[in-house]
Amino acid sequence: MKRSELNAILRESKQFLERMNFHLPVWAHWSPEDWARAGHEHDEIRDNMLGWDIT
């Protein structure tokens, strides 16, 4: 699957969730740089591999 296809799926998913008034946690929108800056207080999110799995 191409990265452009994944990006389209993510974009469409975000739009769908907004229409359904379903709010994701703030960290759902973080960039890789945001994650790199996130301290140990966010290890639980990493350790439990919470996030988007569209594969």
PDB file of N, CA and C in Angstrom:
ATOM      1  N   MET A   1       0.854  -1.174   0.000  1.00  0.00           N
ATOM      2  CA  MET A   1       0.000   0.000   0.000  1.00  0.00           C
ATOM      3  C   MET A   1       0.899   1.236   0.000  1.00  0.00           C
ATOM      4  N   LYS A   2       0.566   2.195  -0.834  1.00  0.00           N
ATOM      5  CA  LYS A   2       1.359   3.413  -0.948  1.00  0.00           C
ATOM      6  C   LYS A   2       1.079   4.352   0.221  1.00  0.00           C
ATOM      7  N   ARG A   3       2.101   5.141   0.541  1.00  0.00           N
ATOM      8  CA  ARG A   3       1.953   6.122   1.624  1.00  0.00           C
ATOM      9  C   ARG A   3       0.820   7.101   1.319  1.00  0.00           C
ATOM     10  N   SER A   4       0.675   7.472   0.060  1.00  0.00           N
ATOM     11  CA  SER A   4      -0.400   8.402  -0.308  1.00  0.00           C
ATOM     12  C   SER A   4      -1.776   7.798  -0.024  1.00  0.00           C
ATOM     13  N   GLU A   5      -1.911   6.485  -0.199  1.00  0.00           N
ATOM     14  CA  GLU A   5      -3.176   5.816   0.111  1.00  0.00           C
ATOM     15  C   GLU A   5      -3.435   5.819   1.614  1.00  0.00           C
ATOM     16  N   LEU A   6      -2.386   5.561   2.384  1.00  0.00           N
ATOM     17  CA  LEU A   6      -2.522   5.591   3.843  1.00  0.00           C
ATOM     18  C   LEU A   6      -2.909   6.986   4.319  1.00  0.00           C
ATOM     19  N   ASN A   7      -2.251   7.994   3.765  1.00  0.00           N
ATOM     20  CA  ASN A   7      -2.571   9.373   4.148  1.00  0.00           C
ATOM     21  C   ASN A   7      -4.019   9.713   3.821  1.00  0.00           C
ATOM     22  N   ALA A   8      -4.511   9.236   2.685  1.00  0.00           N
ATOM     23  CA  ALA A   8      -5.905   9.491   2.309  1.00  0.00           C
ATOM     24  C   ALA A   8      -6.858   8.812   3.289  1.00  0.00           C
ATOM     25  N   ILE A   9      -6.548   7.579   3.677  1.00  0.00           N
ATOM     26  CA  ILE A   9      -7.386   6.861   4.643  1.00  0.00           C
ATOM     27  C   ILE A   9      -7.413   7.599   5.976  1.00  0.00           C
ATOM     28  N   LEU A  10      -6.249   8.051   6.434  1.00  0.00           N
ATOM     29  CA  LEU A  10      -6.187   8.797   7.693  1.00  0.00           C
ATOM     30  C   LEU A  10      -7.005  10.083   7.609  1.00  0.00           C
ATOM     31  N   ARG A  11      -6.859  10.801   6.523  1.00  0.00           N
ATOM     32  CA  ARG A  11      -7.591  12.061   6.340  1.00  0.00           C
ATOM     33  C   ARG A  11      -9.105  11.808   6.332  1.00  0.00           C
ATOM     34  N   GLU A  12      -9.532  10.804   5.584  1.00  0.00           N
ATOM     35  CA  GLU A  12     -10.960  10.482   5.519  1.00  0.00           C
ATOM     36  C   GLU A  12     -11.482  10.011   6.878  1.00  0.00           C
ATOM     37  N   SER A  13     -10.670   9.277   7.599  1.00  0.00           N
ATOM     38  CA  SER A  13     -11.079   8.793   8.924  1.00  0.00           C
ATOM     39  C   SER A  13     -11.270   9.949   9.892  1.00  0.00           C
ATOM     40  N   LYS A  14     -10.351  10.895   9.870  1.00  0.00           N
ATOM     41  CA  LYS A  14     -10.481  12.068  10.739  1.00  0.00           C
ATOM     42  C   LYS A  14     -11.759  12.843  10.422  1.00  0.00           C
ATOM     43  N   GLN A  15     -12.045  13.008   9.141  1.00  0.00           N
ATOM     44  CA  GLN A  15     -13.258  13.722   8.744  1.00  0.00           C
ATOM     45  C   GLN A  15     -14.509  12.977   9.200  1.00  0.00           C
ATOM     46  N   PHE A  16     -14.508  11.665   9.055  1.00  0.00           N
ATOM     47  CA  PHE A  16     -15.644  10.858   9.488  1.00  0.00           C
ATOM     48  C   PHE A  16     -15.867  10.997  10.992  1.00  0.00           C
ATOM     49  N   LEU A  17     -14.788  10.892  11.762  1.00  0.00           N
ATOM     50  CA  LEU A  17     -14.908  10.997  13.212  1.00  0.00           C
ATOM     51  C   LEU A  17     -15.436  12.368  13.622  1.00  0.00           C
ATOM     52  N   GLU A  18     -14.985  13.415  12.947  1.00  0.00           N
ATOM     53  CA  GLU A  18     -15.498  14.757  13.235  1.00  0.00           C
ATOM     54  C   GLU A  18     -16.997  14.837  12.961  1.00  0.00           C
ATOM     55  N   ARG A  19     -17.431  14.266  11.839  1.00  0.00           N
ATOM     56  CA  ARG A  19     -18.867  14.282  11.510  1.00  0.00           C
ATOM     57  C   ARG A  19     -19.685  13.515  12.545  1.00  0.00           C
ATOM     58  N   MET A  20     -19.119  12.486  13.113  1.00  0.00           N
ATOM     59  CA  MET A  20     -19.809  11.672  14.114  1.00  0.00           C
ATOM     60  C   MET A  20     -19.672  12.262  15.518  1.00  0.00           C
ATOM     61  N   ASN A  21     -18.985  13.418  15.610  1.00  0.00           N
ATOM     62  CA  ASN A  21     -18.745  14.091  16.884  1.00  0.00           C
ATOM     63  C   ASN A  21     -17.988  13.191  17.862  1.00  0.00           C
ATOM     64  N   PHE A  22     -17.045  12.431  17.319  1.00  0.00           N
ATOM     65  CA  PHE A  22     -16.197  11.550  18.119  1.00  0.00           C
ATOM     66  C   PHE A  22     -14.830  12.205  18.218  1.00  0.00           C
ATOM     67  N   HIS A  23     -14.398  12.472  19.432  1.00  0.00           N
ATOM     68  CA  HIS A  23     -13.165  13.218  19.645  1.00  0.00           C
ATOM     69  C   HIS A  23     -12.032  12.287  20.058  1.00  0.00           C
ATOM     70  N   LEU A  24     -10.957  12.352  19.310  1.00  0.00           N
ATOM     71  CA  LEU A  24      -9.763  11.574  19.629  1.00  0.00           C
ATOM     72  C   LEU A  24      -8.942  12.315  20.676  1.00  0.00           C
ATOM     73  N   PRO A  25      -8.096  11.592  21.412  1.00  0.00           N
ATOM     74  CA  PRO A  25      -7.221  12.269  22.365  1.00  0.00           C
ATOM     75  C   PRO A  25      -6.224  13.164  21.626  1.00  0.00           C
ATOM     76  N   VAL A  26      -5.714  14.147  22.329  1.00  0.00           N
ATOM     77  CA  VAL A  26      -4.791  15.123  21.738  1.00  0.00           C
ATOM     78  C   VAL A  26      -3.617  14.433  21.052  1.00  0.00           C
ATOM     79  N   TRP A  27      -3.075  13.405  21.691  1.00  0.00           N
ATOM     80  CA  TRP A  27      -1.893  12.749  21.126  1.00  0.00           C
ATOM     81  C   TRP A  27      -2.176  11.999  19.827  1.00  0.00           C
ATOM     82  N   ALA A  28      -3.427  11.825  19.464  1.00  0.00           N
ATOM     83  CA  ALA A  28      -3.761  11.161  18.196  1.00  0.00           C
ATOM     84  C   ALA A  28      -3.321  12.000  16.996  1.00  0.00           C
ATOM     85  N   HIS A  29      -3.107  13.281  17.224  1.00  0.00           N
ATOM     86  CA  HIS A  29      -2.742  14.191  16.139  1.00  0.00           C
ATOM     87  C   HIS A  29      -1.266  14.598  16.190  1.00  0.00           C
ATOM     88  N   TRP A  30      -0.505  13.983  17.070  1.00  0.00           N
ATOM     89  CA  TRP A  30       0.904  14.339  17.200  1.00  0.00           C
ATOM     90  C   TRP A  30       1.710  13.877  15.996  1.00  0.00           C
ATOM     91  N   SER A  31       2.710  14.655  15.680  1.00  0.00           N
ATOM     92  CA  SER A  31       3.655  14.301  14.620  1.00  0.00           C
ATOM     93  C   SER A  31       4.764  13.430  15.221  1.00  0.00           C
ATOM     94  N   PRO A  32       5.585  12.814  14.382  1.00  0.00           N
ATOM     95  CA  PRO A  32       6.732  12.067  14.915  1.00  0.00           C
ATOM     96  C   PRO A  32       7.635  12.948  15.788  1.00  0.00           C
ATOM     97  N   GLU A  33       7.737  14.218  15.424  1.00  0.00           N
ATOM     98  CA  GLU A  33       8.556  15.141  16.220  1.00  0.00           C
ATOM     99  C   GLU A  33       7.943  15.364  17.600  1.00  0.00           C
ATOM    100  N   ASP A  34       6.621  15.464  17.661  1.00  0.00           N
ATOM    101  CA  ASP A  34       5.938  15.614  18.951  1.00  0.00           C
ATOM    102  C   ASP A  34       6.220  14.402  19.836  1.00  0.00           C
ATOM    103  N   TRP A  35       6.157  13.208  19.250  1.00  0.00           N
ATOM    104  CA  TRP A  35       6.422  11.990  20.021  1.00  0.00           C
ATOM    105  C   TRP A  35       7.865  11.953  20.508  1.00  0.00           C
ATOM    106  N   ALA A  36       8.779  12.437  19.688  1.00  0.00           N
ATOM    107  CA  ALA A  36      10.191  12.450  20.086  1.00  0.00           C
ATOM    108  C   ALA A  36      10.408  13.376  21.282  1.00  0.00           C
ATOM    109  N   ARG A  37       9.627  14.454  21.357  1.00  0.00           N
ATOM    110  CA  ARG A  37       9.747  15.409  22.464  1.00  0.00           C
ATOM    111  C   ARG A  37       8.981  14.970  23.708  1.00  0.00           C
ATOM    112  N   ALA A  38       8.028  14.078  23.539  1.00  0.00           N
ATOM    113  CA  ALA A  38       7.192  13.652  24.668  1.00  0.00           C
ATOM    114  C   ALA A  38       8.046  12.922  25.701  1.00  0.00           C
ATOM    115  N   GLY A  39       7.868  13.279  26.936  1.00  0.00           N
ATOM    116  CA  GLY A  39       8.658  12.697  28.014  1.00  0.00           C
ATOM    117  C   GLY A  39       8.132  11.347  28.465  1.00  0.00           C
ATOM    118  N   HIS A  40       8.718  10.865  29.556  1.00  0.00           N
ATOM    119  CA  HIS A  40       8.367   9.551  30.092  1.00  0.00           C
ATOM    120  C   HIS A  40       6.924   9.476  30.591  1.00  0.00           C
ATOM    121  N   GLU A  41       6.306  10.628  30.820  1.00  0.00           N
ATOM    122  CA  GLU A  41       4.909  10.612  31.266  1.00  0.00           C
ATOM    123  C   GLU A  41       3.978  10.059  30.178  1.00  0.00           C
ATOM    124  N   HIS A  42       4.485   9.913  28.968  1.00  0.00           N
ATOM    125  CA  HIS A  42       3.696   9.357  27.863  1.00  0.00           C
ATOM    126  C   HIS A  42       4.089   7.919  27.526  1.00  0.00           C
ATOM    127  N   ASP A  43       4.915   7.307  28.358  1.00  0.00           N
ATOM    128  CA  ASP A  43       5.348   5.931  28.092  1.00  0.00           C
ATOM    129  C   ASP A  43       4.190   4.940  28.071  1.00  0.00           C
ATOM    130  N   GLU A  44       3.157   5.175  28.863  1.00  0.00           N
ATOM    131  CA  GLU A  44       2.021   4.245  28.880  1.00  0.00           C
ATOM    132  C   GLU A  44       1.372   4.145  27.497  1.00  0.00           C
ATOM    133  N   ILE A  45       1.296   5.262  26.804  1.00  0.00           N
ATOM    134  CA  ILE A  45       0.728   5.264  25.456  1.00  0.00           C
ATOM    135  C   ILE A  45       1.615   4.445  24.530  1.00  0.00           C
ATOM    136  N   ARG A  46       2.920   4.666  24.621  1.00  0.00           N
ATOM    137  CA  ARG A  46       3.868   3.921  23.782  1.00  0.00           C
ATOM    138  C   ARG A  46       3.867   2.440  24.133  1.00  0.00           C
ATOM    139  N   ASP A  47       3.965   2.146  25.427  1.00  0.00           N
ATOM    140  CA  ASP A  47       4.067   0.754  25.885  1.00  0.00           C
ATOM    141  C   ASP A  47       2.860  -0.078  25.469  1.00  0.00           C
ATOM    142  N   ASN A  48       1.694   0.546  25.452  1.00  0.00           N
ATOM    143  CA  ASN A  48       0.469  -0.168  25.085  1.00  0.00           C
ATOM    144  C   ASN A  48       0.137  -0.041  23.601  1.00  0.00           C
ATOM    145  N   MET A  49       1.054   0.609  22.879  1.00  0.00           N
ATOM    146  CA  MET A  49       0.931   0.786  21.425  1.00  0.00           C
ATOM    147  C   MET A  49      -0.433   1.334  21.017  1.00  0.00           C
ATOM    148  N   LEU A  50      -0.879   2.347  21.772  1.00  0.00           N
ATOM    149  CA  LEU A  50      -2.140   2.997  21.438  1.00  0.00           C
ATOM    150  C   LEU A  50      -1.906   3.912  20.244  1.00  0.00           C
ATOM    151  N   GLY A  51      -2.802   3.911  19.337  1.00  0.00           N
ATOM    152  CA  GLY A  51      -2.644   4.750  18.156  1.00  0.00           C
ATOM    153  C   GLY A  51      -3.428   4.220  16.987  1.00  0.00           C
ATOM    154  N   TRP A  52      -3.096   4.677  15.833  1.00  0.00           N
ATOM    155  CA  TRP A  52      -3.812   4.330  14.617  1.00  0.00           C
ATOM    156  C   TRP A  52      -3.155   3.126  13.970  1.00  0.00           C
ATOM    157  N   ASP A  53      -3.924   2.086  13.771  1.00  0.00           N
ATOM    158  CA  ASP A  53      -3.455   0.924  13.014  1.00  0.00           C
ATOM    159  C   ASP A  53      -4.428   0.715  11.873  1.00  0.00           C
ATOM    160  N   ILE A  54      -4.031   1.136  10.693  1.00  0.00           N
ATOM    161  CA  ILE A  54      -4.937   1.043   9.546  1.00  0.00           C
ATOM    162  C   ILE A  54      -4.509  -0.045   8.573  1.00  0.00           C
ATOM    163  N   THR A  55      -3.540  -0.839   8.990  1.00  0.00           N
ATOM    164  CA  THR A  55      -3.059  -1.889   8.085  1.00  0.00           C
ATOM    165  C   THR A  55      -3.838  -3.169   8.249  1.00  0.00           C
TER     166      THR A  55
END
